[in-house]
C-alpha atoms as a PDB file:
ATOM      1  CA  MET A   1     152.429 146.209  55.867  1.00  0.00           C
ATOM      2  CA  LEU A   2     149.833 145.530  58.631  1.00  0.00           C
ATOM      3  CA  THR A   3     148.072 142.327  58.695  1.00  0.00           C
ATOM      4  CA  GLU A   4     144.287 142.513  58.502  1.00  0.00           C
ATOM      5  CA  SER A   5     144.031 141.537  62.279  1.00  0.00           C
ATOM      6  CA  GLN A   6     146.384 144.292  63.191  1.00  0.00           C
ATOM      7  CA  GLN A   7     144.535 146.871  61.052  1.00  0.00           C
ATOM      8  CA  GLN A   8     141.325 145.969  62.681  1.00  0.00           C
ATOM      9  CA  ILE A   9     142.817 146.211  66.171  1.00  0.00           C
ATOM     10  CA  ILE A  10     144.354 149.646  65.348  1.00  0.00           C
ATOM     11  CA  GLN A  11     141.155 150.974  63.778  1.00  0.00           C
ATOM     12  CA  THR A  12     139.053 149.871  66.787  1.00  0.00           C
ATOM     13  CA  ILE A  13     141.399 151.600  69.142  1.00  0.00           C
ATOM     14  CA  VAL A  14     141.697 154.726  66.830  1.00  0.00           C
ATOM     15  CA  ASP A  15     137.906 154.813  66.574  1.00  0.00           C
ATOM     16  CA  GLY A  16     137.514 154.782  70.280  1.00  0.00           C
ATOM     17  CA  LYS A  17     139.951 157.497  71.096  1.00  0.00           C
ATOM     18  CA  LYS A  18     139.997 159.825  68.263  1.00  0.00           C
ATOM     19  CA  HIS A  19     137.301 162.102  69.683  1.00  0.00           C
ATOM     20  CA  LEU A  20     139.060 162.588  73.061  1.00  0.00           C
ATOM     21  CA  PRO A  21     140.997 165.808  73.540  1.00  0.00           C
ATOM     22  CA  GLY A  22     144.599 164.686  73.470  1.00  0.00           C
ATOM     23  CA  GLY A  23     143.657 161.186  72.517  1.00  0.00           C
ATOM     24  CA  LEU A  24     146.857 160.438  70.597  1.00  0.00           C
ATOM     25  CA  LEU A  25     148.980 159.289  73.657  1.00  0.00           C
ATOM     26  CA  PRO A  26     146.299 157.015  75.117  1.00  0.00           C
ATOM     27  CA  MET A  27     145.756 155.666  71.622  1.00  0.00           C
ATOM     28  CA  LEU A  28     149.355 154.847  71.188  1.00  0.00           C
ATOM     29  CA  HIS A  29     149.659 153.133  74.560  1.00  0.00           C
ATOM     30  CA  ASP A  30     146.583 151.089  73.724  1.00  0.00           C
ATOM     31  CA  ILE A  31     148.045 150.017  70.333  1.00  0.00           C
ATOM     32  CA  GLN A  32     151.354 149.037  72.000  1.00  0.00           C
ATOM     33  CA  ASP A  33     149.441 147.139  74.662  1.00  0.00           C
ATOM     34  CA  ALA A  34     147.518 145.237  72.065  1.00  0.00           C
ATOM     35  CA  LEU A  35     150.290 144.504  69.555  1.00  0.00           C
ATOM     36  CA  GLY A  36     153.414 144.786  71.661  1.00  0.00           C
ATOM     37  CA  HIS A  37     154.732 147.727  69.485  1.00  0.00           C
ATOM     38  CA  ILE A  38     153.529 150.472  67.152  1.00  0.00           C
ATOM     39  CA  PRO A  39     154.050 149.242  63.653  1.00  0.00           C
ATOM     40  CA  ALA A  40     155.360 151.967  61.262  1.00  0.00           C
ATOM     41  CA  PRO A  41     152.394 151.528  58.870  1.00  0.00           C
ATOM     42  CA  ALA A  42     150.025 152.407  61.646  1.00  0.00           C
ATOM     43  CA  LEU A  43     151.320 155.897  61.833  1.00  0.00           C
ATOM     44  CA  GLY A  44     149.571 156.977  58.596  1.00  0.00           C
ATOM     45  CA  LEU A  45     146.238 155.519  59.607  1.00  0.00           C
ATOM     46  CA  ILE A  46     146.488 157.361  62.997  1.00  0.00           C
ATOM     47  CA  ALA A  47     147.536 160.631  61.411  1.00  0.00           C
ATOM     48  CA  GLN A  48     144.758 160.449  58.913  1.00  0.00           C
ATOM     49  CA  GLU A  49     142.099 159.757  61.556  1.00  0.00           C
ATOM     50  CA  LEU A  50     143.468 162.541  63.803  1.00  0.00           C
ATOM     51  CA  ASN A  51     143.941 165.002  60.951  1.00  0.00           C
ATOM     52  CA  LEU A  52     147.649 165.223  61.657  1.00  0.00           C
ATOM     53  CA  SER A  53     150.662 164.744  59.547  1.00  0.00           C
ATOM     54  CA  ARG A  54     152.477 161.373  59.646  1.00  0.00           C
ATOM     55  CA  ALA A  55     155.495 163.269  60.833  1.00  0.00           C
ATOM     56  CA  GLU A  56     153.601 164.709  63.822  1.00  0.00           C
ATOM     57  CA  VAL A  57     152.532 161.181  64.906  1.00  0.00           C
ATOM     58  CA  HIS A  58     156.011 159.793  64.133  1.00  0.00           C
ATOM     59  CA  GLY A  59     157.513 162.803  66.417  1.00  0.00           C
ATOM     60  CA  VAL A  60     155.420 161.743  69.306  1.00  0.00           C
ATOM     61  CA  VAL A  61     156.210 158.055  68.865  1.00  0.00           C
ATOM     62  CA  THR A  62     159.889 158.697  68.786  1.00  0.00           C
ATOM     63  CA  PHE A  63     159.977 161.283  71.508  1.00  0.00           C
ATOM     64  CA  TYR A  64     158.855 158.952  74.038  1.00  0.00           C
ATOM     65  CA  HIS A  65     161.315 156.104  74.762  1.00  0.00           C
ATOM     66  CA  PHE A  66     158.507 153.835  76.212  1.00  0.00           C
ATOM     67  CA  PHE A  67     157.050 153.271  72.621  1.00  0.00           C
ATOM     68  CA  ARG A  68     158.548 150.341  70.686  1.00  0.00           C
ATOM     69  CA  HIS A  69     158.904 150.176  67.010  1.00  0.00           C
ATOM     70  CA  GLU A  70     159.515 146.459  66.843  1.00  0.00           C
ATOM     71  CA  PRO A  71     157.957 143.660  68.834  1.00  0.00           C
ATOM     72  CA  ALA A  72     159.641 143.086  72.210  1.00  0.00           C
ATOM     73  CA  GLY A  73     161.148 139.762  73.174  1.00  0.00           C
ATOM     74  CA  LYS A  74     159.505 137.128  75.242  1.00  0.00           C
ATOM     75  CA  GLN A  75     160.964 138.830  78.335  1.00  0.00           C
ATOM     76  CA  VAL A  76     161.556 142.586  78.759  1.00  0.00           C
ATOM     77  CA  VAL A  77     164.432 143.893  80.990  1.00  0.00           C
ATOM     78  CA  GLN A  78     164.574 147.462  81.591  1.00  0.00           C
ATOM     79  CA  ILE A  79     167.579 149.018  83.469  1.00  0.00           C
ATOM     80  CA  CYS A  80     167.330 152.532  84.862  1.00  0.00           C
ATOM     81  CA  ARG A  81     170.012 154.796  83.413  1.00  0.00           C
ATOM     82  CA  ALA A  82     169.043 157.975  85.133  1.00  0.00           C
ATOM     83  CA  GLU A  83     171.642 160.008  87.243  1.00  0.00           C
ATOM     84  CA  ALA A  84     170.832 158.484  90.695  1.00  0.00           C
ATOM     85  CA  CYS A  85     171.176 154.934  89.371  1.00  0.00           C
ATOM     86  CA  GLN A  86     174.207 155.807  87.387  1.00  0.00           C
ATOM     87  CA  SER A  87     175.954 157.117  90.630  1.00  0.00           C
ATOM     88  CA  MET A  88     175.217 153.760  92.287  1.00  0.00           C
ATOM     89  CA  GLY A  89     176.428 151.477  89.422  1.00  0.00           C
ATOM     90  CA  ALA A  90     173.902 151.327  86.706  1.00  0.00           C
ATOM     91  CA  ASP A  91     176.501 151.717  83.958  1.00  0.00           C
ATOM     92  CA  LYS A  92     178.211 148.849  85.127  1.00  0.00           C
ATOM     93  CA  LEU A  93     174.956 146.858  85.350  1.00  0.00           C
ATOM     94  CA  TRP A  94     174.013 147.922  81.830  1.00  0.00           C
ATOM     95  CA  GLU A  95     177.463 146.750  80.564  1.00  0.00           C
ATOM     96  CA  HIS A  96     177.089 143.374  82.372  1.00  0.00           C
ATOM     97  CA  ALA A  97     173.548 142.956  80.938  1.00  0.00           C
ATOM     98  CA  CYS A  98     174.803 143.693  77.549  1.00  0.00           C
ATOM     99  CA  SER A  99     177.575 141.189  77.737  1.00  0.00           C
ATOM    100  CA  ARG A 100     175.371 138.472  79.419  1.00  0.00           C
ATOM    101  CA  LEU A 101     172.624 138.822  76.827  1.00  0.00           C
ATOM    102  CA  ASN A 102     174.919 139.497  73.951  1.00  0.00           C
ATOM    103  CA  THR A 103     173.249 142.742  72.834  1.00  0.00           C
ATOM    104  CA  GLN A 104     173.979 146.428  73.142  1.00  0.00           C
ATOM    105  CA  GLY A 105     170.278 147.031  73.835  1.00  0.00           C
ATOM    106  CA  GLY A 106     167.232 145.897  71.876  1.00  0.00           C
ATOM    107  CA  THR A 107     166.154 142.306  71.394  1.00  0.00           C
ATOM    108  CA  THR A 108     168.371 139.338  71.345  1.00  0.00           C
ATOM    109  CA  ALA A 109     168.952 137.455  68.110  1.00  0.00           C
ATOM    110  CA  ASP A 110     166.742 134.532  69.510  1.00  0.00           C
ATOM    111  CA  GLY A 111     163.943 136.967  70.447  1.00  0.00           C
ATOM    112  CA  ALA A 112     164.075 135.862  74.107  1.00  0.00           C
ATOM    113  CA  VAL A 113     164.910 139.141  75.751  1.00  0.00           C
ATOM    114  CA  THR A 114     164.531 142.806  74.975  1.00  0.00           C
ATOM    115  CA  LEU A 115     167.033 145.009  77.029  1.00  0.00           C
ATOM    116  CA  GLU A 116     165.852 148.632  77.243  1.00  0.00           C
ATOM    117  CA  PRO A 117     167.154 151.738  79.038  1.00  0.00           C
ATOM    118  CA  VAL A 118     164.687 153.517  81.124  1.00  0.00           C
ATOM    119  CA  TYR A 119     165.097 156.989  82.739  1.00  0.00           C
ATOM    120  CA  CYS A 120     163.761 156.769  86.249  1.00  0.00           C
ATOM    121  CA  LEU A 121     161.795 154.073  87.917  1.00  0.00           C
ATOM    122  CA  GLY A 122     161.238 156.155  91.011  1.00  0.00           C
ATOM    123  CA  LEU A 123     163.538 153.823  93.193  1.00  0.00           C
ATOM    124  CA  CYS A 124     166.283 156.488  93.509  1.00  0.00           C
ATOM    125  CA  SER A 125     166.958 155.773  97.070  1.00  0.00           C
ATOM    126  CA  SER A 126     167.240 152.003  96.352  1.00  0.00           C
ATOM    127  CA  SER A 127     169.340 152.218  93.073  1.00  0.00           C
ATOM    128  CA  PRO A 128     170.341 150.916  90.780  1.00  0.00           C
ATOM    129  CA  ALA A 129     166.901 149.690  89.781  1.00  0.00           C
ATOM    130  CA  MET A 130     165.522 147.532  86.972  1.00  0.00           C
ATOM    131  CA  VAL A 131     162.170 146.091  85.854  1.00  0.00           C
ATOM    132  CA  VAL A 132     161.974 142.481  84.761  1.00  0.00           C
ATOM    133  CA  ASP A 133     158.613 141.759  83.030  1.00  0.00           C
ATOM    134  CA  GLU A 134     156.826 144.600  84.702  1.00  0.00           C
ATOM    135  CA  GLN A 135     158.177 143.869  88.162  1.00  0.00           C
ATOM    136  CA  LEU A 136     160.457 146.292  89.760  1.00  0.00           C
ATOM    137  CA  HIS A 137     163.683 145.374  91.475  1.00  0.00           C
ATOM    138  CA  ALA A 138     165.962 147.558  93.653  1.00  0.00           C
ATOM    139  CA  ARG A 139     169.561 147.444  94.598  1.00  0.00           C
ATOM    140  CA  VAL A 140     170.393 145.377  91.591  1.00  0.00           C
ATOM    141  CA  ASP A 141     173.972 144.321  91.171  1.00  0.00           C
ATOM    142  CA  THR A 142     175.468 141.904  88.593  1.00  0.00           C
ATOM    143  CA  VAL A 143     174.696 138.818  90.769  1.00  0.00           C
ATOM    144  CA  LYS A 144     171.156 139.869  91.250  1.00  0.00           C
ATOM    145  CA  PHE A 145     170.659 140.581  87.665  1.00  0.00           C
ATOM    146  CA  ASP A 146     171.891 137.062  86.680  1.00  0.00           C
ATOM    147  CA  ARG A 147     169.702 135.519  89.274  1.00  0.00           C
ATOM    148  CA  LEU A 148     166.627 137.510  88.186  1.00  0.00           C
ATOM    149  CA  VAL A 149     167.008 136.977  84.488  1.00  0.00           C
ATOM    150  CA  ALA A 150     167.991 133.264  84.838  1.00  0.00           C
ATOM    151  CA  ALA A 151     164.918 132.608  86.828  1.00  0.00           C
ATOM    152  CA  THR A 152     162.798 133.234  83.803  1.00  0.00           C
ATOM    153  CA  GLY A 153     164.964 130.798  81.677  1.00  0.00           C
ATOM    154  CA  SER A 154     166.092 133.574  79.244  1.00  0.00           C
ATOM    155  CA  MET A 155     169.660 133.457  80.068  1.00  0.00           C
ATOM    156  CA  ALA A 156     172.005 130.375  80.051  1.00  0.00           C
END
């Protein structure tokens, strides 16, 4: 169920983008920017306004890994899982991050951190790479990971 405030935000965004060719993706990005995620009840509203089925909108939201279905934690950590980063230790980094944050990906129980895989940050020559709160970091090992996340106060 959407709150009245969420519904107003979504409706304003939809009204501003529904006449654009290919407006669905920009609309979804704006909704996530405004709310931190794309609430499931919003899919029906978006579909109705764009004359699409709910399944079509759901398909787009679930196809792109960028879109969140639940609110993110206070801090978002994204670790590249693409092949170049894997070849330089990203799998070990992911396992370390999961262990340190006590999650297998997703948001920690206390809501402090959301750990997400991403598939290419464009730092292939400096891998493994990660993003902490929208800041790119290259050549990340477990020690650098701990330092970066601890600097934000999200990890004991």
